[in-house]
Amino acid sequence: MSNVLPFKKPAAKPKGLCEHGFHKWKIVQEKQFDVKQGRLVTVYSCERCGEKKVKAIGKD
């Protein structure tokens, strides 16, 4: 008979949908004032991969 080897998954950060641009955004901090832009901004973070984005509120 032969020996059975256990299967181990690679220790990689699971992204799944995020690597194709389908993030699951959650508000981290709402209505934070950005001095450089001179306006209020909202900070978003992806629940799956941790990527962050900042969106300005008001005039563009």
N, C-alpha and C. Protein backbone atom coordinates (compact mmCIF):
# COMPACT_ATOMS: atom_id res chain seq x y z
N MET A 1 0.83 -1.18 0.00
CA MET A 1 0.00 0.00 0.00
C MET A 1 0.88 1.25 0.00
N SER A 2 0.27 2.36 -0.32
CA SER A 2 1.01 3.63 -0.34
C SER A 2 0.59 4.51 0.84
N ASN A 3 1.42 5.47 1.11
CA ASN A 3 1.13 6.40 2.19
C ASN A 3 0.18 7.50 1.70
N VAL A 4 -0.73 7.91 2.56
CA VAL A 4 -1.66 8.99 2.22
C VAL A 4 -1.10 10.28 2.78
N LEU A 5 -0.93 11.28 1.92
CA LEU A 5 -0.40 12.58 2.33
C LEU A 5 -1.55 13.54 2.60
N PRO A 6 -1.48 14.29 3.69
CA PRO A 6 -2.54 15.26 3.97
C PRO A 6 -2.44 16.45 3.01
N PHE A 7 -3.59 16.96 2.59
CA PHE A 7 -3.64 18.10 1.69
C PHE A 7 -3.72 19.38 2.50
N LYS A 8 -2.82 20.33 2.24
CA LYS A 8 -2.83 21.61 2.93
C LYS A 8 -3.04 22.72 1.91
N LYS A 9 -3.98 23.62 2.22
CA LYS A 9 -4.21 24.76 1.35
C LYS A 9 -3.07 25.75 1.53
N PRO A 10 -2.73 26.49 0.49
CA PRO A 10 -1.68 27.50 0.63
C PRO A 10 -2.14 28.63 1.56
N ALA A 11 -1.23 29.16 2.33
CA ALA A 11 -1.55 30.21 3.29
C ALA A 11 -1.58 31.56 2.58
N ALA A 12 -2.53 31.75 1.68
CA ALA A 12 -2.67 32.99 0.94
C ALA A 12 -3.87 33.76 1.45
N LYS A 13 -3.84 35.05 1.23
CA LYS A 13 -4.94 35.91 1.64
C LYS A 13 -6.11 35.71 0.68
N PRO A 14 -7.25 35.23 1.15
CA PRO A 14 -8.37 34.98 0.24
C PRO A 14 -9.01 36.28 -0.23
N LYS A 15 -9.08 36.48 -1.54
CA LYS A 15 -9.67 37.68 -2.10
C LYS A 15 -10.98 37.37 -2.80
N GLY A 16 -10.98 36.34 -3.64
CA GLY A 16 -12.20 35.94 -4.35
C GLY A 16 -12.74 37.03 -5.24
N LEU A 17 -13.86 37.61 -4.84
CA LEU A 17 -14.52 38.62 -5.65
C LEU A 17 -13.73 39.92 -5.73
N CYS A 18 -12.97 40.24 -4.70
CA CYS A 18 -12.24 41.51 -4.65
C CYS A 18 -11.19 41.63 -5.76
N GLU A 19 -10.56 40.56 -6.11
CA GLU A 19 -9.54 40.64 -7.16
C GLU A 19 -10.15 40.94 -8.53
N HIS A 20 -11.48 40.81 -8.64
CA HIS A 20 -12.17 41.13 -9.88
C HIS A 20 -12.94 42.45 -9.77
N GLY A 21 -12.73 43.20 -8.68
CA GLY A 21 -13.33 44.52 -8.54
C GLY A 21 -14.65 44.57 -7.82
N PHE A 22 -15.10 43.46 -7.22
CA PHE A 22 -16.37 43.43 -6.51
C PHE A 22 -16.12 43.46 -5.00
N HIS A 23 -15.80 44.66 -4.50
CA HIS A 23 -15.50 44.82 -3.08
C HIS A 23 -16.79 44.93 -2.28
N LYS A 24 -16.68 44.69 -0.99
CA LYS A 24 -17.81 44.82 -0.07
C LYS A 24 -17.48 45.99 0.86
N TRP A 25 -17.86 47.22 0.43
CA TRP A 25 -17.47 48.42 1.12
C TRP A 25 -18.29 48.64 2.39
N LYS A 26 -17.62 49.08 3.45
CA LYS A 26 -18.24 49.40 4.71
C LYS A 26 -17.68 50.75 5.17
N ILE A 27 -18.54 51.62 5.71
CA ILE A 27 -18.09 52.93 6.17
C ILE A 27 -17.28 52.77 7.45
N VAL A 28 -16.06 53.32 7.43
CA VAL A 28 -15.20 53.26 8.60
C VAL A 28 -15.36 54.54 9.42
N GLN A 29 -15.27 55.67 8.73
CA GLN A 29 -15.40 56.95 9.42
C GLN A 29 -16.17 57.89 8.51
N GLU A 30 -17.29 58.35 8.99
CA GLU A 30 -18.15 59.20 8.19
C GLU A 30 -17.91 60.67 8.54
N LYS A 31 -17.94 61.51 7.53
CA LYS A 31 -17.82 62.97 7.68
C LYS A 31 -16.54 63.38 8.39
N GLN A 32 -15.43 63.02 7.82
CA GLN A 32 -14.12 63.45 8.32
C GLN A 32 -13.70 64.63 7.44
N PHE A 33 -13.10 65.67 8.01
CA PHE A 33 -12.71 66.84 7.24
C PHE A 33 -11.30 66.65 6.71
N ASP A 34 -11.15 66.81 5.38
CA ASP A 34 -9.84 66.71 4.74
C ASP A 34 -9.33 68.11 4.49
N VAL A 35 -8.19 68.46 5.09
CA VAL A 35 -7.66 69.81 5.01
C VAL A 35 -7.17 70.12 3.60
N LYS A 36 -6.53 69.17 2.92
CA LYS A 36 -5.99 69.41 1.59
C LYS A 36 -7.10 69.69 0.56
N GLN A 37 -8.20 68.91 0.63
CA GLN A 37 -9.30 69.12 -0.30
C GLN A 37 -10.24 70.22 0.18
N GLY A 38 -10.26 70.51 1.47
CA GLY A 38 -11.12 71.53 2.03
C GLY A 38 -12.58 71.14 2.06
N ARG A 39 -12.86 69.85 2.26
CA ARG A 39 -14.24 69.37 2.28
C ARG A 39 -14.36 68.13 3.16
N LEU A 40 -15.60 67.75 3.40
CA LEU A 40 -15.86 66.54 4.17
C LEU A 40 -15.66 65.30 3.30
N VAL A 41 -15.11 64.25 3.88
CA VAL A 41 -14.90 63.00 3.16
C VAL A 41 -15.40 61.83 4.00
N THR A 42 -15.73 60.73 3.34
CA THR A 42 -16.12 59.50 4.00
C THR A 42 -15.09 58.43 3.67
N VAL A 43 -14.62 57.71 4.68
CA VAL A 43 -13.62 56.67 4.50
C VAL A 43 -14.33 55.32 4.46
N TYR A 44 -14.08 54.55 3.38
CA TYR A 44 -14.66 53.22 3.21
C TYR A 44 -13.56 52.18 3.29
N SER A 45 -13.89 50.99 3.80
CA SER A 45 -12.95 49.88 3.86
C SER A 45 -13.66 48.61 3.40
N CYS A 46 -12.96 47.78 2.61
CA CYS A 46 -13.53 46.52 2.15
C CYS A 46 -13.47 45.51 3.28
N GLU A 47 -14.61 44.84 3.54
CA GLU A 47 -14.67 43.86 4.63
C GLU A 47 -13.85 42.61 4.32
N ARG A 48 -13.69 42.29 3.04
CA ARG A 48 -12.99 41.05 2.67
C ARG A 48 -11.47 41.22 2.62
N CYS A 49 -11.00 42.25 1.90
CA CYS A 49 -9.56 42.35 1.67
C CYS A 49 -8.89 43.50 2.42
N GLY A 50 -9.66 44.44 2.97
CA GLY A 50 -9.08 45.52 3.75
C GLY A 50 -8.66 46.73 2.94
N GLU A 51 -8.92 46.76 1.64
CA GLU A 51 -8.57 47.92 0.82
C GLU A 51 -9.43 49.11 1.26
N LYS A 52 -8.84 50.31 1.19
CA LYS A 52 -9.55 51.52 1.62
C LYS A 52 -9.72 52.48 0.46
N LYS A 53 -10.82 53.26 0.53
CA LYS A 53 -11.04 54.33 -0.43
C LYS A 53 -11.67 55.51 0.29
N VAL A 54 -11.47 56.70 -0.25
CA VAL A 54 -11.98 57.92 0.34
C VAL A 54 -12.86 58.59 -0.70
N LYS A 55 -14.07 58.98 -0.29
CA LYS A 55 -15.01 59.62 -1.19
C LYS A 55 -15.37 60.98 -0.62
N ALA A 56 -15.25 62.05 -1.46
CA ALA A 56 -15.54 63.40 -1.03
C ALA A 56 -17.05 63.64 -1.07
N ILE A 57 -17.52 64.45 -0.13
CA ILE A 57 -18.93 64.82 -0.05
C ILE A 57 -19.06 66.28 -0.50
N GLY A 58 -20.01 66.56 -1.32
CA GLY A 58 -20.26 67.93 -1.74
C GLY A 58 -19.85 68.16 -3.19
N LYS A 59 -19.42 69.40 -3.49
CA LYS A 59 -19.06 69.78 -4.86
C LYS A 59 -17.85 69.02 -5.36
N ASP A 60 -17.82 68.76 -6.66
CA ASP A 60 -16.65 68.10 -7.27
C ASP A 60 -15.87 69.07 -8.12
